[in-house]
Amino acid sequence: DTLESAHAAGREERMRRANEILPGVLYQASHPKKWPEGKVAWMNENVDLVIVLAGQPDVELDELAAAEQLNFTYWHFPVVDSHKTVDERIGETVVPAIADWIRAGKRVLVCCLAGRSRSGAASTLAVRELYNVSGADALAYVRTKRKNAVKREGPTAYLNSLERPRPEDEQAELPS
């Protein structure tokens, strides 16, 4: 019973923190509603853009954004969580925004419900775009920063199938 409680507490703590994907600029996490007290203070201090890809918005962040009480931009952009592939809107809309913000020197936090599938796909595609690496290389890198990122077979196969976005340009070295 004690061991099971310890495992549950550890799992819950992991669900409530952001994983740093790219040092100082890209973070990935579970839905902010799962975070403990202090989430807004952490976000105000550490990120410039929070993107929530889950269907449910964060009510607290919605209210604070409406009252202009956030030091970051909050964007709720729900996308489909599929076992078959990655929602194309992640690559078409979310990733260009992430890349633009990071290239402008801004810090981005991308969230979904569990902080693995949709946010993992967005992080992978952003790393691919920013470093001009293949989807397989980007996914392998993201998985070193967020264990169990994009574990479903369909999305994994899709990401692994992607070539470098600009084959004529050199590939940048991924951070360690």
N, C-alpha and C. Protein backbone atom coordinates (compact mmCIF):
# COMPACT_ATOMS: atom_id res chain seq x y z
N ASP A 1 0.83 -1.20 0.00
CA ASP A 1 0.00 0.00 0.00
C ASP A 1 0.87 1.26 0.00
N THR A 2 1.91 1.27 0.83
CA THR A 2 2.80 2.43 0.90
C THR A 2 3.55 2.61 -0.41
N LEU A 3 4.04 1.50 -0.99
CA LEU A 3 4.75 1.57 -2.26
C LEU A 3 3.83 2.08 -3.37
N GLU A 4 2.61 1.57 -3.38
CA GLU A 4 1.64 2.02 -4.39
C GLU A 4 1.34 3.51 -4.23
N SER A 5 1.21 3.99 -3.01
CA SER A 5 0.99 5.42 -2.76
C SER A 5 2.17 6.25 -3.23
N ALA A 6 3.38 5.77 -3.00
CA ALA A 6 4.58 6.49 -3.44
C ALA A 6 4.64 6.57 -4.96
N HIS A 7 4.30 5.47 -5.64
CA HIS A 7 4.27 5.48 -7.10
C HIS A 7 3.22 6.47 -7.62
N ALA A 8 2.05 6.46 -7.00
CA ALA A 8 0.98 7.38 -7.42
C ALA A 8 1.40 8.83 -7.20
N ALA A 9 2.03 9.11 -6.06
CA ALA A 9 2.48 10.48 -5.77
C ALA A 9 3.55 10.91 -6.77
N GLY A 10 4.46 10.03 -7.11
CA GLY A 10 5.50 10.35 -8.09
C GLY A 10 4.92 10.59 -9.46
N ARG A 11 3.95 9.76 -9.84
CA ARG A 11 3.28 9.93 -11.14
C ARG A 11 2.55 11.26 -11.18
N GLU A 12 1.86 11.60 -10.08
CA GLU A 12 1.13 12.86 -10.03
C GLU A 12 2.09 14.05 -10.11
N GLU A 13 3.22 13.99 -9.44
CA GLU A 13 4.19 15.09 -9.49
C GLU A 13 4.74 15.26 -10.90
N ARG A 14 5.03 14.16 -11.58
CA ARG A 14 5.53 14.25 -12.96
C ARG A 14 4.49 14.87 -13.88
N MET A 15 3.22 14.63 -13.61
CA MET A 15 2.15 15.17 -14.45
C MET A 15 2.02 16.68 -14.28
N ARG A 16 2.59 17.22 -13.21
CA ARG A 16 2.35 18.62 -12.88
C ARG A 16 3.52 19.55 -13.19
N ARG A 17 4.51 19.09 -13.87
CA ARG A 17 5.63 19.99 -14.14
C ARG A 17 5.93 19.99 -15.63
N ALA A 18 6.57 21.04 -16.05
CA ALA A 18 6.92 21.17 -17.45
C ALA A 18 8.27 20.52 -17.71
N ASN A 19 8.39 19.85 -18.83
CA ASN A 19 9.66 19.29 -19.27
C ASN A 19 10.30 20.30 -20.21
N GLU A 20 11.56 20.59 -19.99
CA GLU A 20 12.29 21.51 -20.86
C GLU A 20 12.76 20.72 -22.07
N ILE A 21 12.22 21.06 -23.25
CA ILE A 21 12.56 20.36 -24.48
C ILE A 21 13.78 21.02 -25.13
N LEU A 22 13.70 22.30 -25.38
CA LEU A 22 14.84 23.07 -25.89
C LEU A 22 15.25 24.04 -24.78
N PRO A 23 16.50 24.02 -24.39
CA PRO A 23 16.94 24.80 -23.23
C PRO A 23 16.50 26.27 -23.25
N GLY A 24 15.70 26.61 -22.25
CA GLY A 24 15.28 27.97 -22.05
C GLY A 24 14.22 28.51 -22.99
N VAL A 25 13.77 27.70 -23.97
CA VAL A 25 12.81 28.25 -24.94
C VAL A 25 11.58 27.40 -25.23
N LEU A 26 11.65 26.08 -25.08
CA LEU A 26 10.50 25.23 -25.39
C LEU A 26 10.28 24.24 -24.26
N TYR A 27 9.06 24.27 -23.75
CA TYR A 27 8.65 23.39 -22.65
C TYR A 27 7.40 22.62 -23.07
N GLN A 28 7.22 21.45 -22.48
CA GLN A 28 6.07 20.59 -22.78
C GLN A 28 5.51 20.09 -21.46
N ALA A 29 4.17 20.06 -21.35
CA ALA A 29 3.57 19.66 -20.08
C ALA A 29 2.15 19.16 -20.25
N SER A 30 1.62 18.62 -19.16
CA SER A 30 0.22 18.24 -19.12
C SER A 30 -0.64 19.50 -19.03
N HIS A 31 -1.94 19.31 -19.13
CA HIS A 31 -2.90 20.41 -19.07
C HIS A 31 -2.68 21.22 -17.80
N PRO A 32 -2.67 22.55 -17.92
CA PRO A 32 -2.44 23.38 -16.73
C PRO A 32 -3.40 23.12 -15.57
N LYS A 33 -4.61 22.63 -15.87
CA LYS A 33 -5.56 22.36 -14.78
C LYS A 33 -5.04 21.26 -13.85
N LYS A 34 -4.08 20.46 -14.32
CA LYS A 34 -3.52 19.38 -13.50
C LYS A 34 -2.34 19.86 -12.64
N TRP A 35 -1.91 21.09 -12.86
CA TRP A 35 -0.76 21.60 -12.12
C TRP A 35 -1.16 21.99 -10.70
N PRO A 36 -0.19 21.99 -9.79
CA PRO A 36 -0.48 22.42 -8.42
C PRO A 36 -0.59 23.95 -8.35
N GLU A 37 -0.86 24.44 -7.16
CA GLU A 37 -0.87 25.89 -6.95
C GLU A 37 0.46 26.47 -7.43
N GLY A 38 0.41 27.68 -7.87
CA GLY A 38 1.65 28.32 -8.31
C GLY A 38 1.90 28.24 -9.80
N LYS A 39 0.98 27.61 -10.56
CA LYS A 39 1.23 27.45 -12.00
C LYS A 39 1.30 28.79 -12.70
N VAL A 40 0.42 29.72 -12.35
CA VAL A 40 0.41 31.01 -13.03
C VAL A 40 1.70 31.77 -12.73
N ALA A 41 2.17 31.72 -11.50
CA ALA A 41 3.42 32.39 -11.15
C ALA A 41 4.58 31.79 -11.95
N TRP A 42 4.63 30.45 -12.06
CA TRP A 42 5.69 29.81 -12.84
C TRP A 42 5.61 30.24 -14.30
N MET A 43 4.41 30.22 -14.87
CA MET A 43 4.23 30.61 -16.27
C MET A 43 4.59 32.08 -16.48
N ASN A 44 4.13 32.95 -15.58
CA ASN A 44 4.44 34.38 -15.70
C ASN A 44 5.95 34.62 -15.72
N GLU A 45 6.68 33.81 -14.99
CA GLU A 45 8.12 33.99 -14.87
C GLU A 45 8.92 33.29 -15.97
N ASN A 46 8.41 32.19 -16.51
CA ASN A 46 9.21 31.33 -17.38
C ASN A 46 8.82 31.25 -18.84
N VAL A 47 7.62 31.70 -19.21
CA VAL A 47 7.21 31.56 -20.61
C VAL A 47 6.51 32.82 -21.11
N ASP A 48 6.52 32.97 -22.43
CA ASP A 48 5.86 34.10 -23.07
C ASP A 48 4.59 33.68 -23.79
N LEU A 49 4.50 32.40 -24.14
CA LEU A 49 3.33 31.86 -24.83
C LEU A 49 3.00 30.49 -24.25
N VAL A 50 1.73 30.29 -23.89
CA VAL A 50 1.23 28.99 -23.43
C VAL A 50 0.19 28.56 -24.45
N ILE A 51 0.41 27.38 -25.05
CA ILE A 51 -0.53 26.81 -26.01
C ILE A 51 -1.13 25.56 -25.40
N VAL A 52 -2.45 25.51 -25.29
CA VAL A 52 -3.14 24.33 -24.78
C VAL A 52 -3.85 23.67 -25.95
N LEU A 53 -3.43 22.44 -26.28
CA LEU A 53 -3.96 21.71 -27.42
C LEU A 53 -5.12 20.79 -27.05
N ALA A 54 -5.39 20.62 -25.78
CA ALA A 54 -6.48 19.76 -25.32
C ALA A 54 -7.83 20.42 -25.60
N GLY A 55 -8.87 19.61 -25.63
CA GLY A 55 -10.21 20.11 -25.90
C GLY A 55 -10.71 21.10 -24.86
N GLN A 56 -10.35 20.86 -23.60
CA GLN A 56 -10.83 21.72 -22.53
C GLN A 56 -9.87 22.89 -22.34
N PRO A 57 -10.42 24.11 -22.26
CA PRO A 57 -9.56 25.24 -21.93
C PRO A 57 -9.23 25.21 -20.44
N ASP A 58 -8.33 26.04 -20.01
CA ASP A 58 -8.05 26.20 -18.59
C ASP A 58 -8.87 27.40 -18.14
N VAL A 59 -9.89 27.15 -17.34
CA VAL A 59 -10.83 28.20 -16.93
C VAL A 59 -10.11 29.33 -16.20
N GLU A 60 -9.19 28.98 -15.31
CA GLU A 60 -8.46 30.02 -14.57
C GLU A 60 -7.65 30.90 -15.53
N LEU A 61 -6.96 30.28 -16.49
CA LEU A 61 -6.17 31.06 -17.44
C LEU A 61 -7.08 31.90 -18.34
N ASP A 62 -8.23 31.34 -18.73
CA ASP A 62 -9.20 32.11 -19.52
C ASP A 62 -9.62 33.38 -18.78
N GLU A 63 -9.96 33.22 -17.50
CA GLU A 63 -10.42 34.36 -16.70
C GLU A 63 -9.31 35.39 -16.51
N LEU A 64 -8.10 34.92 -16.22
CA LEU A 64 -6.98 35.84 -16.02
C LEU A 64 -6.61 36.55 -17.33
N ALA A 65 -6.68 35.82 -18.45
CA ALA A 65 -6.38 36.44 -19.75
C ALA A 65 -7.41 37.52 -20.07
N ALA A 66 -8.69 37.23 -19.81
CA ALA A 66 -9.74 38.20 -20.06
C ALA A 66 -9.56 39.46 -19.20
N ALA A 67 -9.04 39.28 -18.00
CA ALA A 67 -8.80 40.40 -17.10
C ALA A 67 -7.42 41.04 -17.32
N GLU A 68 -6.71 40.55 -18.34
CA GLU A 68 -5.37 41.04 -18.66
C GLU A 68 -4.42 40.97 -17.47
N GLN A 69 -4.47 39.83 -16.77
CA GLN A 69 -3.64 39.63 -15.58
C GLN A 69 -2.55 38.58 -15.80
N LEU A 70 -2.21 38.31 -17.04
CA LEU A 70 -1.15 37.35 -17.35
C LEU A 70 0.02 38.09 -17.99
N ASN A 71 1.23 37.65 -17.69
CA ASN A 71 2.42 38.20 -18.32
C ASN A 71 2.80 37.40 -19.56
N PHE A 72 1.92 36.52 -20.02
CA PHE A 72 2.17 35.69 -21.19
C PHE A 72 0.91 35.62 -22.02
N THR A 73 1.06 35.21 -23.25
CA THR A 73 -0.08 35.01 -24.14
C THR A 73 -0.60 33.60 -23.94
N TYR A 74 -1.89 33.48 -23.76
CA TYR A 74 -2.54 32.18 -23.59
C TYR A 74 -3.37 31.88 -24.83
N TRP A 75 -3.08 30.73 -25.45
CA TRP A 75 -3.75 30.34 -26.69
C TRP A 75 -4.33 28.94 -26.52
N HIS A 76 -5.65 28.84 -26.52
CA HIS A 76 -6.32 27.54 -26.48
C HIS A 76 -6.63 27.15 -27.91
N PHE A 77 -5.99 26.09 -28.40
CA PHE A 77 -6.14 25.65 -29.79
C PHE A 77 -6.38 24.14 -29.77
N PRO A 78 -7.62 23.71 -29.53
CA PRO A 78 -7.89 22.27 -29.42
C PRO A 78 -7.68 21.53 -30.74
N VAL A 79 -6.96 20.42 -30.66
CA VAL A 79 -6.75 19.56 -31.82
C VAL A 79 -7.11 18.12 -31.45
N VAL A 80 -7.33 17.31 -32.45
CA VAL A 80 -7.73 15.92 -32.26
C VAL A 80 -6.56 15.10 -31.72
N ASP A 81 -6.86 14.29 -30.72
CA ASP A 81 -5.88 13.36 -30.16
C ASP A 81 -6.15 12.01 -30.81
N SER A 82 -5.40 11.67 -31.85
CA SER A 82 -5.68 10.49 -32.66
C SER A 82 -4.65 9.39 -32.43
N HIS A 83 -5.13 8.15 -32.52
CA HIS A 83 -4.23 7.00 -32.47
C HIS A 83 -3.64 6.72 -33.85
N LYS A 84 -4.21 7.35 -34.89
CA LYS A 84 -3.82 7.03 -36.27
C LYS A 84 -2.73 7.95 -36.82
N THR A 85 -2.82 9.24 -36.53
CA THR A 85 -1.83 10.19 -37.09
C THR A 85 -1.79 11.44 -36.22
N VAL A 86 -1.09 12.46 -36.69
CA VAL A 86 -1.00 13.74 -36.00
C VAL A 86 -1.96 14.71 -36.68
N ASP A 87 -2.77 15.40 -35.90
CA ASP A 87 -3.71 16.39 -36.46
C ASP A 87 -2.91 17.38 -37.31
N GLU A 88 -3.28 17.52 -38.57
CA GLU A 88 -2.51 18.34 -39.51
C GLU A 88 -2.44 19.81 -39.09
N ARG A 89 -3.39 20.26 -38.29
CA ARG A 89 -3.37 21.66 -37.84
C ARG A 89 -2.19 21.96 -36.92
N ILE A 90 -1.64 20.90 -36.29
CA ILE A 90 -0.45 21.11 -35.46
C ILE A 90 0.70 21.59 -36.35
N GLY A 91 0.92 20.89 -37.46
CA GLY A 91 1.99 21.28 -38.37
C GLY A 91 1.71 22.56 -39.14
N GLU A 92 0.44 22.78 -39.47
CA GLU A 92 0.07 23.94 -40.30
C GLU A 92 -0.02 25.24 -39.52
N THR A 93 -0.46 25.18 -38.27
CA THR A 93 -0.75 26.39 -37.51
C THR A 93 0.09 26.52 -36.24
N VAL A 94 0.15 25.45 -35.45
CA VAL A 94 0.81 25.52 -34.15
C VAL A 94 2.32 25.62 -34.29
N VAL A 95 2.91 24.76 -35.09
CA VAL A 95 4.38 24.73 -35.21
C VAL A 95 4.94 26.02 -35.80
N PRO A 96 4.35 26.59 -36.85
CA PRO A 96 4.87 27.89 -37.32
C PRO A 96 4.83 28.96 -36.22
N ALA A 97 3.78 28.95 -35.40
CA ALA A 97 3.71 29.92 -34.30
C ALA A 97 4.82 29.67 -33.28
N ILE A 98 5.01 28.40 -32.90
CA ILE A 98 6.07 28.07 -31.94
C ILE A 98 7.42 28.53 -32.50
N ALA A 99 7.70 28.17 -33.74
CA ALA A 99 8.99 28.52 -34.36
C ALA A 99 9.17 30.04 -34.43
N ASP A 100 8.12 30.76 -34.82
CA ASP A 100 8.22 32.22 -34.90
C ASP A 100 8.50 32.83 -33.54
N TRP A 101 7.81 32.37 -32.51
CA TRP A 101 8.02 32.91 -31.16
C TRP A 101 9.45 32.62 -30.69
N ILE A 102 9.91 31.39 -30.89
CA ILE A 102 11.26 31.04 -30.45
C ILE A 102 12.30 31.83 -31.23
N ARG A 103 12.13 31.96 -32.53
CA ARG A 103 13.08 32.74 -33.34
C ARG A 103 13.10 34.20 -32.91
N ALA A 104 12.01 34.68 -32.34
CA ALA A 104 11.93 36.06 -31.85
C ALA A 104 12.47 36.18 -30.42
N GLY A 105 13.05 35.09 -29.90
CA GLY A 105 13.63 35.13 -28.56
C GLY A 105 12.63 34.90 -27.45
N LYS A 106 11.48 34.36 -27.77
CA LYS A 106 10.43 34.11 -26.78
C LYS A 106 10.45 32.66 -26.31
N ARG A 107 9.82 32.43 -25.16
CA ARG A 107 9.75 31.10 -24.56
C ARG A 107 8.34 30.55 -24.66
N VAL A 108 8.22 29.26 -25.03
CA VAL A 108 6.92 28.66 -25.33
C VAL A 108 6.70 27.41 -24.49
N LEU A 109 5.49 27.29 -23.95
CA LEU A 109 5.04 26.09 -23.26
C LEU A 109 3.89 25.52 -24.05
N VAL A 110 3.99 24.25 -24.46
CA VAL A 110 2.91 23.59 -25.19
C VAL A 110 2.37 22.45 -24.32
N CYS A 111 1.03 22.42 -24.18
CA CYS A 111 0.37 21.47 -23.28
C CYS A 111 -0.73 20.71 -24.02
N CYS A 112 -0.99 19.50 -23.56
CA CYS A 112 -2.19 18.77 -23.96
C CYS A 112 -2.73 18.14 -22.68
N LEU A 113 -3.54 17.13 -22.76
CA LEU A 113 -4.13 16.61 -21.54
C LEU A 113 -3.08 15.93 -20.65
N ALA A 114 -2.36 14.96 -21.19
CA ALA A 114 -1.35 14.25 -20.39
C ALA A 114 0.06 14.77 -20.62
N GLY A 115 0.23 15.64 -21.60
CA GLY A 115 1.57 16.18 -21.86
C GLY A 115 2.45 15.22 -22.63
N ARG A 116 1.84 14.33 -23.43
CA ARG A 116 2.64 13.35 -24.17
C ARG A 116 2.35 13.35 -25.66
N SER A 117 1.12 13.19 -26.08
CA SER A 117 0.82 12.95 -27.50
C SER A 117 0.77 14.22 -28.34
N ARG A 118 -0.25 15.02 -28.15
CA ARG A 118 -0.39 16.23 -28.97
C ARG A 118 0.75 17.21 -28.71
N SER A 119 1.08 17.43 -27.44
CA SER A 119 2.18 18.36 -27.13
C SER A 119 3.51 17.76 -27.58
N GLY A 120 3.63 16.44 -27.50
CA GLY A 120 4.85 15.77 -27.99
C GLY A 120 5.00 15.90 -29.49
N ALA A 121 3.89 15.78 -30.21
CA ALA A 121 3.94 15.95 -31.67
C ALA A 121 4.30 17.40 -32.01
N ALA A 122 3.72 18.36 -31.30
CA ALA A 122 4.04 19.77 -31.55
C ALA A 122 5.50 20.05 -31.24
N SER A 123 6.01 19.53 -30.13
CA SER A 123 7.42 19.72 -29.78
C SER A 123 8.33 19.09 -30.83
N THR A 124 7.98 17.87 -31.25
CA THR A 124 8.78 17.17 -32.26
C THR A 124 8.82 17.94 -33.56
N LEU A 125 7.66 18.40 -34.02
CA LEU A 125 7.61 19.14 -35.27
C LEU A 125 8.31 20.49 -35.16
N ALA A 126 8.26 21.11 -33.98
CA ALA A 126 8.97 22.38 -33.78
C ALA A 126 10.48 22.16 -33.81
N VAL A 127 10.96 21.11 -33.14
CA VAL A 127 12.39 20.78 -33.16
C VAL A 127 12.82 20.48 -34.59
N ARG A 128 12.01 19.73 -35.31
CA ARG A 128 12.31 19.42 -36.72
C ARG A 128 12.46 20.71 -37.53
N GLU A 129 11.53 21.63 -37.36
CA GLU A 129 11.55 22.89 -38.10
C GLU A 129 12.74 23.77 -37.70
N LEU A 130 12.96 23.92 -36.41
CA LEU A 130 14.00 24.83 -35.92
C LEU A 130 15.42 24.33 -36.21
N TYR A 131 15.61 23.01 -36.21
CA TYR A 131 16.95 22.44 -36.38
C TYR A 131 17.15 21.77 -37.73
N ASN A 132 16.12 21.77 -38.57
CA ASN A 132 16.20 21.16 -39.90
C ASN A 132 16.66 19.70 -39.82
N VAL A 133 16.01 18.95 -38.94
CA VAL A 133 16.32 17.53 -38.78
C VAL A 133 15.12 16.70 -39.22
N SER A 134 15.31 15.43 -39.42
CA SER A 134 14.21 14.54 -39.80
C SER A 134 13.23 14.40 -38.63
N GLY A 135 12.05 13.94 -38.94
CA GLY A 135 11.08 13.67 -37.89
C GLY A 135 11.57 12.62 -36.91
N ALA A 136 12.26 11.61 -37.43
CA ALA A 136 12.80 10.55 -36.56
C ALA A 136 13.83 11.11 -35.59
N ASP A 137 14.72 11.96 -36.10
CA ASP A 137 15.73 12.56 -35.22
C ASP A 137 15.09 13.49 -34.20
N ALA A 138 14.11 14.27 -34.64
CA ALA A 138 13.43 15.19 -33.73
C ALA A 138 12.68 14.42 -32.64
N LEU A 139 11.97 13.36 -33.03
CA LEU A 139 11.23 12.57 -32.05
C LEU A 139 12.17 11.89 -31.06
N ALA A 140 13.26 11.33 -31.55
CA ALA A 140 14.23 10.70 -30.64
C ALA A 140 14.76 11.72 -29.65
N TYR A 141 15.03 12.92 -30.12
CA TYR A 141 15.52 13.98 -29.23
C TYR A 141 14.47 14.35 -28.19
N VAL A 142 13.22 14.59 -28.62
CA VAL A 142 12.16 14.97 -27.69
C VAL A 142 11.97 13.90 -26.63
N ARG A 143 12.08 12.65 -27.02
CA ARG A 143 11.91 11.55 -26.05
C ARG A 143 13.03 11.51 -25.02
N THR A 144 14.17 12.13 -25.30
CA THR A 144 15.22 12.21 -24.27
C THR A 144 14.85 13.26 -23.22
N LYS A 145 13.95 14.16 -23.57
CA LYS A 145 13.54 15.24 -22.66
C LYS A 145 12.19 14.98 -22.01
N ARG A 146 11.32 14.22 -22.69
CA ARG A 146 10.00 13.90 -22.17
C ARG A 146 9.74 12.42 -22.42
N LYS A 147 9.99 11.64 -21.37
CA LYS A 147 9.78 10.20 -21.48
C LYS A 147 8.33 9.93 -21.91
N ASN A 148 8.16 8.96 -22.77
CA ASN A 148 6.84 8.54 -23.26
C ASN A 148 6.16 9.57 -24.17
N ALA A 149 6.92 10.47 -24.75
CA ALA A 149 6.33 11.40 -25.70
C ALA A 149 5.91 10.64 -26.96
N VAL A 150 4.73 10.91 -27.43
CA VAL A 150 4.19 10.32 -28.67
C VAL A 150 4.42 8.81 -28.71
N LYS A 151 3.74 8.09 -27.85
CA LYS A 151 3.93 6.63 -27.77
C LYS A 151 3.00 5.86 -28.70
N ARG A 152 1.97 6.49 -29.24
CA ARG A 152 1.02 5.78 -30.10
C ARG A 152 1.65 5.46 -31.45
N GLU A 153 1.32 4.29 -31.95
CA GLU A 153 1.95 3.78 -33.17
C GLU A 153 1.73 4.67 -34.40
N GLY A 154 0.50 5.12 -34.64
CA GLY A 154 0.21 5.92 -35.82
C GLY A 154 0.96 7.25 -35.84
N PRO A 155 0.84 8.07 -34.79
CA PRO A 155 1.58 9.32 -34.78
C PRO A 155 3.10 9.12 -34.81
N THR A 156 3.59 8.09 -34.13
CA THR A 156 5.03 7.79 -34.16
C THR A 156 5.48 7.48 -35.58
N ALA A 157 4.72 6.63 -36.29
CA ALA A 157 5.07 6.28 -37.67
C ALA A 157 5.05 7.52 -38.56
N TYR A 158 4.04 8.36 -38.38
CA TYR A 158 3.95 9.59 -39.17
C TYR A 158 5.18 10.48 -38.93
N LEU A 159 5.50 10.75 -37.68
CA LEU A 159 6.64 11.62 -37.38
C LEU A 159 7.95 11.01 -37.88
N ASN A 160 8.11 9.71 -37.71
CA ASN A 160 9.33 9.04 -38.17
C ASN A 160 9.47 9.06 -39.69
N SER A 161 8.37 9.26 -40.39
CA SER A 161 8.41 9.25 -41.86
C SER A 161 8.85 10.59 -42.46
N LEU A 162 8.89 11.62 -41.65
CA LEU A 162 9.16 12.96 -42.16
C LEU A 162 10.65 13.20 -42.41
N GLU A 163 10.93 13.70 -43.60
CA GLU A 163 12.30 14.09 -43.96
C GLU A 163 12.61 15.46 -43.34
N ARG A 164 13.82 15.91 -43.51
CA ARG A 164 14.18 17.26 -43.07
C ARG A 164 13.33 18.27 -43.84
N PRO A 165 12.88 19.36 -43.20
CA PRO A 165 12.01 20.31 -43.89
C PRO A 165 12.72 21.08 -45.01
N ARG A 166 14.01 21.29 -44.88
CA ARG A 166 14.77 22.02 -45.90
C ARG A 166 16.03 21.22 -46.26
N PRO A 167 15.89 20.19 -47.10
CA PRO A 167 17.02 19.30 -47.39
C PRO A 167 18.21 20.02 -48.03
N GLU A 168 17.95 21.15 -48.68
CA GLU A 168 19.05 21.89 -49.31
C GLU A 168 19.91 22.63 -48.29
N ASP A 169 19.38 22.83 -47.08
CA ASP A 169 20.12 23.53 -46.01
C ASP A 169 20.77 22.51 -45.08
N GLU A 170 21.78 22.97 -44.37
CA GLU A 170 22.44 22.09 -43.41
C GLU A 170 21.55 21.85 -42.20
N GLN A 171 21.78 20.72 -41.59
CA GLN A 171 21.09 20.35 -40.37
C GLN A 171 21.83 20.99 -39.21
N ALA A 172 21.11 21.59 -38.26
CA ALA A 172 21.74 22.17 -37.08
C ALA A 172 21.95 21.08 -36.04
N GLU A 173 22.93 21.27 -35.19
CA GLU A 173 23.18 20.30 -34.12
C GLU A 173 22.18 20.50 -33.00
N LEU A 174 21.54 19.42 -32.61
CA LEU A 174 20.57 19.48 -31.51
C LEU A 174 21.29 19.71 -30.19
N PRO A 175 20.68 20.47 -29.28
CA PRO A 175 21.31 20.67 -27.97
C PRO A 175 21.36 19.35 -27.20
N SER A 176 22.22 19.28 -26.21
CA SER A 176 22.33 18.03 -25.42
C SER A 176 21.37 18.06 -24.25
